[in-house]
C-alpha cells in the first residue's frame, strides 16, 4: 500500500512538474567534447567561484562571474555582457554545487548553460589549460 502510494505520488509529480521545471543536473557532455567546443569558440567556460579563488588560479579563456553576483539580485546586464544567449555556456566551480545553482539562475534568464560536475582542479587534470598570470 505504501509503495503504491509512493509510486502514484511520483507519477503525479512527473506530470505536474515536467523536467523543464525541476532542478537541473550536471551536464553529461564528455570533457573532451567540452574542451573542443571551447577551443573552437563554439562554447565558453564560466567560472562561478569567487574572486579570491579566481586569483589563486583559473582556466585559460574562462570568464569570471561569481555566484554571489548572480544571486545578489542586482542588474546583471554588465556582468553578463560577454555572454551570448546563442552560445553554450559551461559553468564550473570548485566542486560542482555552485555551478548547478548558477546554471539554474542563468537558464531562467534564457542562456544555454550546462553545469560541469568536475571542479577547477579536476578540469586541470583533464587537460584544460591554466591561465598564465
Protein backbone atom coordinates (compact mmCIF):
# COMPACT_ATOMS: atom_id res chain seq x y z
CA UNK A 1 0.00 0.00 0.00
CA UNK A 2 2.75 2.46 0.93
CA UNK A 3 4.73 1.54 -2.18
CA UNK A 4 1.67 2.05 -4.39
CA UNK A 5 1.02 5.47 -2.83
CA UNK A 6 4.64 6.47 -3.34
CA UNK A 7 4.59 5.42 -6.99
CA UNK A 8 1.34 7.30 -7.53
CA UNK A 9 2.84 10.46 -5.99
CA UNK A 10 5.96 10.08 -8.10
CA UNK A 11 3.90 9.70 -11.29
CA UNK A 12 1.75 12.69 -10.34
CA UNK A 13 4.84 14.84 -9.69
CA UNK A 14 6.21 13.91 -13.11
CA UNK A 15 3.00 15.11 -14.77
CA UNK A 16 2.59 18.25 -12.66
CA UNK A 17 6.26 19.25 -12.71
CA UNK A 18 7.81 18.49 -16.10
CA UNK A 19 11.58 18.07 -16.43
CA UNK A 20 11.97 21.69 -17.50
CA UNK A 21 10.51 22.85 -14.18
CA UNK A 22 12.61 20.57 -11.98
CA UNK A 23 16.11 21.27 -10.75
CA UNK A 24 18.82 20.85 -13.33
CA UNK A 25 21.60 18.29 -13.20
CA UNK A 26 25.23 18.34 -14.25
CA UNK A 27 25.83 18.03 -17.98
CA UNK A 28 26.55 14.64 -19.48
CA UNK A 29 28.72 16.25 -22.19
CA UNK A 30 32.09 14.45 -22.15
CA UNK A 31 35.01 16.65 -21.07
CA UNK A 32 36.97 16.16 -24.33
CA UNK A 33 33.92 17.48 -26.21
CA UNK A 34 33.55 20.40 -23.80
CA UNK A 35 37.22 21.27 -24.22
CA UNK A 36 37.00 21.08 -28.01
CA UNK A 37 33.88 23.28 -28.15
CA UNK A 38 35.63 25.90 -26.03
CA UNK A 39 38.77 25.78 -28.18
CA UNK A 40 36.68 26.15 -31.33
CA UNK A 41 34.82 29.12 -29.77
CA UNK A 42 31.53 27.20 -30.02
CA UNK A 43 31.15 27.45 -26.26
CA UNK A 44 32.55 29.45 -23.37
CA UNK A 45 33.58 28.48 -19.88
CA UNK A 46 32.19 30.46 -16.97
CA UNK A 47 33.91 30.33 -13.59
CA UNK A 48 31.37 30.95 -10.83
CA UNK A 49 33.87 30.79 -7.97
CA UNK A 50 34.65 33.93 -6.01
CA UNK A 51 37.32 36.49 -6.94
CA UNK A 52 39.80 35.18 -4.34
CA UNK A 53 39.58 31.65 -5.78
CA UNK A 54 39.96 33.03 -9.33
CA UNK A 55 43.04 34.99 -8.28
CA UNK A 56 44.63 31.79 -6.97
CA UNK A 57 44.29 30.23 -10.43
CA UNK A 58 41.77 29.85 -13.20
CA UNK A 59 41.28 28.26 -16.59
CA UNK A 60 42.57 29.87 -19.75
CA UNK A 61 39.78 31.68 -21.64
CA UNK A 62 37.40 31.45 -18.67
CA UNK A 63 35.10 34.32 -17.76
CA UNK A 64 34.60 35.12 -14.08
CA UNK A 65 31.05 35.62 -12.84
CA UNK A 66 30.89 34.74 -9.13
CA UNK A 67 27.76 33.02 -7.94
CA UNK A 68 27.43 35.73 -5.28
CA UNK A 69 26.89 38.30 -8.06
CA UNK A 70 24.36 36.09 -9.78
CA UNK A 71 22.45 35.60 -6.52
CA UNK A 72 22.69 39.24 -5.41
CA UNK A 73 19.60 40.06 -7.40
CA UNK A 74 21.25 43.11 -8.86
CA UNK A 75 21.11 44.03 -12.51
CA UNK A 76 23.38 41.53 -14.23
CA UNK A 77 23.47 43.27 -17.62
CA UNK A 78 27.06 44.46 -17.15
CA UNK A 79 28.14 41.19 -15.52
CA UNK A 80 26.78 39.07 -18.37
CA UNK A 81 27.57 41.40 -21.26
CA UNK A 82 30.13 38.88 -22.59
CA UNK A 83 27.63 36.03 -22.52
CA UNK A 84 25.63 35.37 -25.65
CA UNK A 85 22.30 33.61 -25.46
CA UNK A 86 23.03 31.59 -28.60
CA UNK A 87 26.33 30.19 -27.26
CA UNK A 88 26.65 27.17 -24.98
CA UNK A 89 27.97 28.23 -21.58
CA UNK A 90 29.72 25.64 -19.46
CA UNK A 91 29.99 26.77 -15.87
CA UNK A 92 32.24 25.35 -13.21
CA UNK A 93 33.22 25.98 -9.62
CA UNK A 94 35.36 24.06 -7.16
CA UNK A 95 33.16 21.00 -6.65
CA UNK A 96 30.04 21.34 -8.82
CA UNK A 97 27.34 22.63 -6.47
CA UNK A 98 27.73 26.35 -7.19
CA UNK A 99 27.85 25.55 -10.91
CA UNK A 100 24.39 23.97 -10.64
CA UNK A 101 22.99 26.94 -8.77
CA UNK A 102 24.48 29.43 -11.22
CA UNK A 103 23.30 27.42 -14.23
CA UNK A 104 19.77 27.30 -12.89
CA UNK A 105 19.70 31.09 -12.43
CA UNK A 106 21.16 31.82 -15.87
CA UNK A 107 18.87 29.33 -17.61
CA UNK A 108 15.94 31.30 -16.18
CA UNK A 109 17.37 34.34 -18.00
CA UNK A 110 17.42 32.48 -21.32
CA UNK A 111 21.03 31.26 -21.53
CA UNK A 112 22.05 27.77 -22.70
CA UNK A 113 24.03 26.84 -19.59
CA UNK A 114 25.44 23.45 -18.72
CA UNK A 115 26.90 22.88 -15.29
CA UNK A 116 30.11 20.87 -15.07
CA UNK A 117 30.45 18.48 -12.16
CA UNK A 118 34.27 18.42 -12.25
CA UNK A 119 35.72 21.35 -10.38
CA UNK A 120 38.68 23.54 -11.21
CA UNK A 121 41.38 21.08 -10.11
CA UNK A 122 39.70 18.16 -11.90
CA UNK A 123 39.42 20.21 -15.10
CA UNK A 124 43.15 20.93 -14.96
CA UNK A 125 43.84 17.20 -14.54
CA UNK A 126 41.56 16.52 -17.53
CA UNK A 127 43.78 18.68 -19.73
CA UNK A 128 42.14 22.09 -19.59
CA UNK A 129 44.76 24.85 -19.75
CA UNK A 130 45.54 27.01 -16.74
CA UNK A 131 45.69 30.73 -17.40
CA UNK A 132 49.09 32.32 -17.09
CA UNK A 133 49.40 35.43 -14.99
